[in-house]
Amino acid sequence: MRRLALAAVLSLAAPALAFAHGPTPQKVEEKIEIKAEPAKVWALVKDFGGIKAWHPMVESAEVKDGERTLKVKGGAELVESQDESDDGSMTLGYRLSNEGGDAFPVSSYSATIKVTAGGGGSEVVWQGRGYRLDTSNEPPEGKDDAAAVKILSDFFKAGLEGLKKKAEGQG
């Protein structure tokens, strides 16, 4: 009798449970080839507080107690903590410690920037996984998955273009 009652409850709850999930992580990956030695490109990337020197969307960057605070054009303030910096693999890993807010509609992300030899110079891959700003089941436009993917993709692309200009001596 208990099994029958439990089966009845679960069959009624199953449709509701199917829609009661939160957001899924969204993935973004951008790449660029840079006509500069990998060591030169890596020196720019690994300087966790030096991002303002090459990222056109970053107005200021301050590092304190292992976290960097970025002021991004459009009004967002991002606080990021560094997870890894590996000279051997030329990989920098970091994560968002706060919410990006309406100007940067993500609630969290982790990202890596990896520099490798390629294309007669360097190839840089910037990838991340993040969640939309509104983590409810029905997020409004602008705080949804599409908005999170767009801002991360735009941020990564602009950064890679700026890194290219800086490393190639154009900026």
C-alpha atoms as a PDB file:
ATOM      1  CA  MET A   1       0.000   0.000   0.000  1.00  0.00           C
ATOM      2  CA  ARG A   2       2.834   2.413   0.866  1.00  0.00           C
ATOM      3  CA  ARG A   3       4.549   1.704  -2.450  1.00  0.00           C
ATOM      4  CA  LEU A   4       1.331   2.395  -4.313  1.00  0.00           C
ATOM      5  CA  ALA A   5       0.863   5.692  -2.449  1.00  0.00           C
ATOM      6  CA  LEU A   6       4.487   6.692  -3.087  1.00  0.00           C
ATOM      7  CA  ALA A   7       4.149   5.827  -6.785  1.00  0.00           C
ATOM      8  CA  ALA A   8       1.017   7.957  -7.018  1.00  0.00           C
ATOM      9  CA  VAL A   9       2.712  10.942  -5.367  1.00  0.00           C
ATOM     10  CA  LEU A  10       5.786  10.639  -7.590  1.00  0.00           C
ATOM     11  CA  SER A  11       3.718  10.354 -10.753  1.00  0.00           C
ATOM     12  CA  LEU A  12       1.917  13.573  -9.855  1.00  0.00           C
ATOM     13  CA  ALA A  13       5.123  15.373  -8.875  1.00  0.00           C
ATOM     14  CA  ALA A  14       7.257  14.206 -11.815  1.00  0.00           C
ATOM     15  CA  PRO A  15       5.977  16.767 -14.354  1.00  0.00           C
ATOM     16  CA  ALA A  16       6.585  19.611 -11.891  1.00  0.00           C
ATOM     17  CA  LEU A  17      10.045  18.309 -11.054  1.00  0.00           C
ATOM     18  CA  ALA A  18      10.966  18.182 -14.728  1.00  0.00           C
ATOM     19  CA  PHE A  19      10.529  21.969 -14.948  1.00  0.00           C
ATOM     20  CA  ALA A  20      11.938  22.806 -11.512  1.00  0.00           C
ATOM     21  CA  HIS A  21      15.570  23.016 -12.471  1.00  0.00           C
ATOM     22  CA  GLY A  22      17.862  25.996 -12.310  1.00  0.00           C
ATOM     23  CA  PRO A  23      20.098  27.374 -15.021  1.00  0.00           C
ATOM     24  CA  THR A  24      22.735  25.319 -16.781  1.00  0.00           C
ATOM     25  CA  PRO A  25      26.273  26.615 -17.280  1.00  0.00           C
ATOM     26  CA  GLN A  26      26.810  28.318 -20.603  1.00  0.00           C
ATOM     27  CA  LYS A  27      30.127  27.816 -22.389  1.00  0.00           C
ATOM     28  CA  VAL A  28      32.010  30.459 -24.349  1.00  0.00           C
ATOM     29  CA  GLU A  29      35.288  30.008 -26.227  1.00  0.00           C
ATOM     30  CA  GLU A  30      37.126  32.564 -28.334  1.00  0.00           C
ATOM     31  CA  LYS A  31      40.513  32.229 -30.081  1.00  0.00           C
ATOM     32  CA  ILE A  32      43.002  34.481 -31.810  1.00  0.00           C
ATOM     33  CA  GLU A  33      46.379  34.162 -33.511  1.00  0.00           C
ATOM     34  CA  ILE A  34      49.009  36.708 -32.538  1.00  0.00           C
ATOM     35  CA  LYS A  35      52.228  37.398 -34.388  1.00  0.00           C
ATOM     36  CA  ALA A  36      54.381  37.454 -31.265  1.00  0.00           C
ATOM     37  CA  GLU A  37      56.369  34.890 -29.321  1.00  0.00           C
ATOM     38  CA  PRO A  38      54.301  32.934 -26.794  1.00  0.00           C
ATOM     39  CA  ALA A  39      56.558  34.096 -23.931  1.00  0.00           C
ATOM     40  CA  LYS A  40      55.800  37.739 -24.766  1.00  0.00           C
ATOM     41  CA  VAL A  41      52.047  37.116 -24.944  1.00  0.00           C
ATOM     42  CA  TRP A  42      52.110  35.051 -21.752  1.00  0.00           C
ATOM     43  CA  ALA A  43      53.931  37.842 -19.892  1.00  0.00           C
ATOM     44  CA  LEU A  44      50.962  40.124 -20.652  1.00  0.00           C
ATOM     45  CA  VAL A  45      48.294  37.550 -19.773  1.00  0.00           C
ATOM     46  CA  LYS A  46      49.805  36.281 -16.511  1.00  0.00           C
ATOM     47  CA  ASP A  47      50.000  39.767 -14.983  1.00  0.00           C
ATOM     48  CA  PHE A  48      46.622  39.431 -13.233  1.00  0.00           C
ATOM     49  CA  GLY A  49      46.391  43.138 -12.492  1.00  0.00           C
ATOM     50  CA  GLY A  50      47.777  44.230 -15.875  1.00  0.00           C
ATOM     51  CA  ILE A  51      44.631  43.502 -17.914  1.00  0.00           C
ATOM     52  CA  LYS A  52      43.839  47.232 -18.240  1.00  0.00           C
ATOM     53  CA  ALA A  53      46.978  47.637 -20.376  1.00  0.00           C
ATOM     54  CA  TRP A  54      45.491  45.511 -23.157  1.00  0.00           C
ATOM     55  CA  HIS A  55      41.724  45.052 -22.644  1.00  0.00           C
ATOM     56  CA  PRO A  56      39.739  47.935 -24.194  1.00  0.00           C
ATOM     57  CA  MET A  57      36.616  47.266 -22.083  1.00  0.00           C
ATOM     58  CA  VAL A  58      38.507  47.547 -18.772  1.00  0.00           C
ATOM     59  CA  GLU A  59      38.667  51.085 -17.371  1.00  0.00           C
ATOM     60  CA  SER A  60      40.615  50.150 -14.244  1.00  0.00           C
ATOM     61  CA  ALA A  61      42.037  47.106 -12.501  1.00  0.00           C
ATOM     62  CA  GLU A  62      43.187  46.855  -8.922  1.00  0.00           C
ATOM     63  CA  VAL A  63      44.613  43.771  -7.220  1.00  0.00           C
ATOM     64  CA  LYS A  64      44.303  43.411  -3.456  1.00  0.00           C
ATOM     65  CA  ASP A  65      44.522  40.306  -1.280  1.00  0.00           C
ATOM     66  CA  GLY A  66      44.566  37.955  -4.297  1.00  0.00           C
ATOM     67  CA  GLU A  67      41.477  39.454  -5.945  1.00  0.00           C
ATOM     68  CA  ARG A  68      41.259  41.899  -8.794  1.00  0.00           C
ATOM     69  CA  THR A  69      38.505  44.439  -9.105  1.00  0.00           C
ATOM     70  CA  LEU A  70      37.758  45.493 -12.669  1.00  0.00           C
ATOM     71  CA  LYS A  71      35.719  48.520 -13.587  1.00  0.00           C
ATOM     72  CA  VAL A  72      34.284  47.702 -16.989  1.00  0.00           C
ATOM     73  CA  LYS A  73      32.899  50.156 -19.530  1.00  0.00           C
ATOM     74  CA  GLY A  74      29.149  50.261 -19.121  1.00  0.00           C
ATOM     75  CA  GLY A  75      29.329  50.477 -15.340  1.00  0.00           C
ATOM     76  CA  ALA A  76      29.993  46.917 -14.173  1.00  0.00           C
ATOM     77  CA  GLU A  77      32.405  46.202 -11.350  1.00  0.00           C
ATOM     78  CA  LEU A  78      33.753  42.654 -11.431  1.00  0.00           C
ATOM     79  CA  VAL A  79      35.643  41.075  -8.548  1.00  0.00           C
ATOM     80  CA  GLU A  80      37.666  38.078  -9.689  1.00  0.00           C
ATOM     81  CA  SER A  81      39.909  35.662  -7.840  1.00  0.00           C
ATOM     82  CA  GLN A  82      42.817  33.874  -9.452  1.00  0.00           C
ATOM     83  CA  ASP A  83      42.699  30.076  -9.368  1.00  0.00           C
ATOM     84  CA  GLU A  84      45.934  29.287 -11.204  1.00  0.00           C
ATOM     85  CA  SER A  85      48.830  30.798 -13.069  1.00  0.00           C
ATOM     86  CA  ASP A  86      51.049  28.130 -14.632  1.00  0.00           C
ATOM     87  CA  ASP A  87      54.169  29.259 -16.490  1.00  0.00           C
ATOM     88  CA  GLY A  88      54.777  25.732 -17.823  1.00  0.00           C
ATOM     89  CA  SER A  89      51.431  25.444 -19.605  1.00  0.00           C
ATOM     90  CA  MET A  90      50.990  29.231 -19.959  1.00  0.00           C
ATOM     91  CA  THR A  91      47.507  29.008 -18.440  1.00  0.00           C
ATOM     92  CA  LEU A  92      45.720  31.560 -16.265  1.00  0.00           C
ATOM     93  CA  GLY A  93      42.528  30.499 -14.474  1.00  0.00           C
ATOM     94  CA  TYR A  94      40.194  32.751 -12.516  1.00  0.00           C
ATOM     95  CA  ARG A  95      36.570  33.100 -11.372  1.00  0.00           C
ATOM     96  CA  LEU A  96      34.016  35.795 -10.666  1.00  0.00           C
ATOM     97  CA  SER A  97      33.544  36.420  -6.943  1.00  0.00           C
ATOM     98  CA  ASN A  98      30.524  38.756  -7.195  1.00  0.00           C
ATOM     99  CA  GLU A  99      27.554  39.231  -9.536  1.00  0.00           C
ATOM    100  CA  GLY A 100      28.171  41.283 -12.649  1.00  0.00           C
ATOM    101  CA  GLY A 101      24.878  43.180 -12.377  1.00  0.00           C
ATOM    102  CA  ASP A 102      22.715  44.561 -15.166  1.00  0.00           C
ATOM    103  CA  ALA A 103      25.735  45.950 -17.068  1.00  0.00           C
ATOM    104  CA  PHE A 104      27.392  42.493 -17.091  1.00  0.00           C
ATOM    105  CA  PRO A 105      24.501  40.003 -16.795  1.00  0.00           C
ATOM    106  CA  VAL A 106      26.218  36.975 -15.298  1.00  0.00           C
ATOM    107  CA  SER A 107      25.875  35.633 -11.771  1.00  0.00           C
ATOM    108  CA  SER A 108      29.108  33.647 -11.822  1.00  0.00           C
ATOM    109  CA  TYR A 109      31.745  32.344 -14.191  1.00  0.00           C
ATOM    110  CA  SER A 110      35.115  30.685 -14.279  1.00  0.00           C
ATOM    111  CA  ALA A 111      37.525  31.250 -17.132  1.00  0.00           C
ATOM    112  CA  THR A 112      40.935  30.276 -18.452  1.00  0.00           C
ATOM    113  CA  ILE A 113      43.276  31.966 -20.875  1.00  0.00           C
ATOM    114  CA  LYS A 114      45.831  29.665 -22.486  1.00  0.00           C
ATOM    115  CA  VAL A 115      48.747  30.709 -24.700  1.00  0.00           C
ATOM    116  CA  THR A 116      50.360  28.193 -27.062  1.00  0.00           C
ATOM    117  CA  ALA A 117      52.761  28.353 -30.000  1.00  0.00           C
ATOM    118  CA  GLY A 118      50.943  28.428 -33.314  1.00  0.00           C
ATOM    119  CA  GLY A 119      50.512  30.208 -36.619  1.00  0.00           C
ATOM    120  CA  GLY A 120      54.081  31.534 -36.689  1.00  0.00           C
ATOM    121  CA  GLY A 121      53.605  33.115 -33.265  1.00  0.00           C
ATOM    122  CA  SER A 122      50.992  32.424 -30.637  1.00  0.00           C
ATOM    123  CA  GLU A 123      47.466  31.157 -30.372  1.00  0.00           C
ATOM    124  CA  VAL A 124      45.434  32.350 -27.410  1.00  0.00           C
ATOM    125  CA  VAL A 125      42.258  30.573 -26.301  1.00  0.00           C
ATOM    126  CA  TRP A 126      39.981  32.261 -23.773  1.00  0.00           C
ATOM    127  CA  GLN A 127      37.192  30.068 -22.533  1.00  0.00           C
ATOM    128  CA  GLY A 128      34.687  30.272 -19.756  1.00  0.00           C
ATOM    129  CA  ARG A 129      31.611  28.714 -18.202  1.00  0.00           C
ATOM    130  CA  GLY A 130      29.072  30.980 -16.631  1.00  0.00           C
ATOM    131  CA  TYR A 131      25.541  31.384 -15.388  1.00  0.00           C
ATOM    132  CA  ARG A 132      22.990  34.011 -16.314  1.00  0.00           C
ATOM    133  CA  LEU A 133      22.296  36.892 -13.936  1.00  0.00           C
ATOM    134  CA  ASP A 134      18.751  35.766 -13.135  1.00  0.00           C
ATOM    135  CA  THR A 135      18.980  32.164 -11.967  1.00  0.00           C
ATOM    136  CA  SER A 136      15.228  31.677 -11.699  1.00  0.00           C
ATOM    137  CA  ASN A 137      13.391  29.301 -14.036  1.00  0.00           C
ATOM    138  CA  GLU A 138      11.886  32.167 -16.072  1.00  0.00           C
ATOM    139  CA  PRO A 139      14.542  34.889 -16.431  1.00  0.00           C
ATOM    140  CA  PRO A 140      13.583  38.121 -18.170  1.00  0.00           C
ATOM    141  CA  GLU A 141      15.274  39.141 -21.409  1.00  0.00           C
ATOM    142  CA  GLY A 142      18.627  40.735 -20.713  1.00  0.00           C
ATOM    143  CA  LYS A 143      19.263  38.540 -17.680  1.00  0.00           C
ATOM    144  CA  ASP A 144      18.894  35.209 -19.514  1.00  0.00           C
ATOM    145  CA  ASP A 145      21.341  32.688 -20.995  1.00  0.00           C
ATOM    146  CA  ALA A 146      21.604  34.585 -24.287  1.00  0.00           C
ATOM    147  CA  ALA A 147      22.610  37.790 -22.494  1.00  0.00           C
ATOM    148  CA  ALA A 148      25.234  35.980 -20.404  1.00  0.00           C
ATOM    149  CA  VAL A 149      26.739  34.296 -23.473  1.00  0.00           C
ATOM    150  CA  LYS A 150      26.769  37.568 -25.427  1.00  0.00           C
ATOM    151  CA  ILE A 151      28.517  39.613 -22.746  1.00  0.00           C
ATOM    152  CA  LEU A 152      31.135  36.928 -22.079  1.00  0.00           C
ATOM    153  CA  SER A 153      31.766  36.434 -25.800  1.00  0.00           C
ATOM    154  CA  ASP A 154      32.001  40.201 -26.415  1.00  0.00           C
ATOM    155  CA  PHE A 155      34.325  40.606 -23.416  1.00  0.00           C
ATOM    156  CA  PHE A 156      36.603  37.753 -24.505  1.00  0.00           C
ATOM    157  CA  LYS A 157      36.719  38.903 -28.158  1.00  0.00           C
ATOM    158  CA  ALA A 158      37.498  42.521 -27.256  1.00  0.00           C
ATOM    159  CA  GLY A 159      40.182  41.347 -24.851  1.00  0.00           C
ATOM    160  CA  LEU A 160      41.811  39.088 -27.417  1.00  0.00           C
ATOM    161  CA  GLU A 161      41.838  41.859 -30.019  1.00  0.00           C
ATOM    162  CA  GLY A 162      43.391  44.235 -27.471  1.00  0.00           C
ATOM    163  CA  LEU A 163      45.949  41.613 -26.457  1.00  0.00           C
ATOM    164  CA  LYS A 164      46.862  41.117 -30.125  1.00  0.00           C
ATOM    165  CA  LYS A 165      47.393  44.842 -30.653  1.00  0.00           C
ATOM    166  CA  LYS A 166      49.485  45.182 -27.517  1.00  0.00           C
ATOM    167  CA  ALA A 167      51.637  42.084 -28.170  1.00  0.00           C
ATOM    168  CA  GLU A 168      52.188  43.010 -31.814  1.00  0.00           C
ATOM    169  CA  GLY A 169      53.209  46.550 -30.836  1.00  0.00           C
ATOM    170  CA  GLN A 170      50.151  48.298 -32.300  1.00  0.00           C
ATOM    171  CA  GLY A 171      48.768  49.679 -29.070  1.00  0.00           C
END
